[in-house]
């Protein structure tokens, strides 16, 4: 599911108030980090991550894209060392999910 620019803008606004919960350090993106991100996406739908200074393998864009691919999520935003990922939850009731603006025609 590709996000529209309006949906991205909506998610960027929501991401301003959330804390960074995923940190990519010198170990890079391993199985544990992917599982942690996957679980967080299922519970929250929108997560913020950060690439620490001691990671020489990834910049924020590369890390966000690789983690998004591994968790089947969408990259919403990348600024500096931080990034935001989104994936619709399937375990939450529909009324508790993030309601994205509808696609325009």
Protein backbone atom coordinates (compact mmCIF):
# COMPACT_ATOMS: atom_id res chain seq x y z
CA UNK A 1 0.00 0.00 0.00
CA UNK A 2 1.57 3.23 -1.16
CA UNK A 3 0.81 6.30 0.97
CA UNK A 4 -0.40 9.52 -0.65
CA UNK A 5 1.27 12.84 0.19
CA UNK A 6 -1.74 13.85 2.31
CA UNK A 7 -1.55 10.59 4.26
CA UNK A 8 2.20 11.09 4.77
CA UNK A 9 1.57 14.63 6.02
CA UNK A 10 -1.06 13.33 8.45
CA UNK A 11 1.31 10.64 9.76
CA UNK A 12 4.21 13.12 10.06
CA UNK A 13 1.98 15.29 12.26
CA UNK A 14 1.10 12.32 14.47
CA UNK A 15 4.77 11.30 14.68
CA UNK A 16 5.79 14.66 16.17
CA UNK A 17 4.41 13.66 19.56
CA UNK A 18 5.74 10.08 19.79
CA UNK A 19 9.03 8.99 21.33
CA UNK A 20 11.85 7.16 19.57
CA UNK A 21 11.52 3.46 20.43
CA UNK A 22 13.84 1.78 17.89
CA UNK A 23 17.57 2.45 17.99
CA UNK A 24 19.98 1.03 15.44
CA UNK A 25 23.44 0.79 16.96
CA UNK A 26 26.72 -0.84 16.00
CA UNK A 27 25.05 -4.26 15.62
CA UNK A 28 22.96 -2.97 12.71
CA UNK A 29 19.59 -4.46 11.74
CA UNK A 30 19.41 -7.97 13.11
CA UNK A 31 16.65 -10.48 13.70
CA UNK A 32 15.90 -9.15 17.20
CA UNK A 33 15.58 -5.55 15.99
CA UNK A 34 13.25 -6.61 13.16
CA UNK A 35 11.07 -8.53 15.63
CA UNK A 36 11.02 -5.59 18.04
CA UNK A 37 10.00 -3.21 15.22
CA UNK A 38 7.40 -5.67 13.92
CA UNK A 39 5.82 -6.04 17.37
CA UNK A 40 5.85 -2.27 17.92
CA UNK A 41 4.21 -1.63 14.52
CA UNK A 42 1.46 -4.14 15.30
CA UNK A 43 0.79 -2.51 18.67
CA UNK A 44 1.21 1.18 17.70
CA UNK A 45 1.06 1.36 13.88
CA UNK A 46 3.41 4.36 13.86
CA UNK A 47 6.95 4.14 15.25
CA UNK A 48 9.97 6.40 15.33
CA UNK A 49 13.51 5.08 15.04
CA UNK A 50 17.01 6.47 15.17
CA UNK A 51 20.41 5.46 13.81
CA UNK A 52 23.03 5.97 16.50
CA UNK A 53 26.40 7.61 15.82
CA UNK A 54 28.29 4.36 16.46
CA UNK A 55 26.67 2.72 13.42
CA UNK A 56 28.94 3.16 10.41
CA UNK A 57 27.06 0.74 8.15
CA UNK A 58 23.75 2.63 7.73
CA UNK A 59 22.52 6.14 7.26
CA UNK A 60 18.94 6.87 8.34
CA UNK A 61 17.45 6.50 4.83
CA UNK A 62 19.08 3.10 4.22
CA UNK A 63 18.14 1.83 7.68
CA UNK A 64 14.53 3.00 7.32
CA UNK A 65 14.13 1.38 3.91
CA UNK A 66 15.68 -1.93 5.00
CA UNK A 67 13.61 -2.06 8.20
CA UNK A 68 10.44 -1.13 6.27
CA UNK A 69 11.08 -3.95 3.81
CA UNK A 70 11.72 -6.45 6.63
CA UNK A 71 8.53 -5.43 8.51
CA UNK A 72 6.31 -4.82 5.44
CA UNK A 73 5.77 -1.21 6.47
CA UNK A 74 6.03 2.21 4.81
CA UNK A 75 8.70 4.84 5.37
CA UNK A 76 6.83 8.02 6.30
CA UNK A 77 9.73 10.39 6.92
CA UNK A 78 13.50 10.55 7.31
CA UNK A 79 15.12 13.58 8.97
CA UNK A 80 18.78 13.55 10.01
CA UNK A 81 19.33 10.36 12.02
CA UNK A 82 15.63 9.75 12.73
CA UNK A 83 12.96 8.00 10.70
CA UNK A 84 9.26 7.15 11.00
CA UNK A 85 7.58 3.90 9.86
CA UNK A 86 3.88 3.09 9.48
CA UNK A 87 1.96 -0.15 9.07
CA UNK A 88 -1.75 -0.67 9.64
CA UNK A 89 -2.42 -2.98 12.57
CA UNK A 90 -4.53 -6.06 12.02
CA UNK A 91 -4.95 -6.97 15.68
CA UNK A 92 -6.44 -3.67 16.84
CA UNK A 93 -10.18 -3.03 16.49
CA UNK A 94 -10.96 -0.83 13.48
CA UNK A 95 -12.09 2.13 15.63
CA UNK A 96 -8.76 2.18 17.53
CA UNK A 97 -6.58 2.22 14.39
CA UNK A 98 -5.11 5.37 12.88
CA UNK A 99 -7.73 6.64 10.44
CA UNK A 100 -5.88 7.84 7.34
CA UNK A 101 -7.37 10.48 5.08
CA UNK A 102 -9.06 8.89 2.09
CA UNK A 103 -7.38 8.69 -1.29
CA UNK A 104 -8.49 11.44 -3.63
CA UNK A 105 -9.48 10.79 -7.24
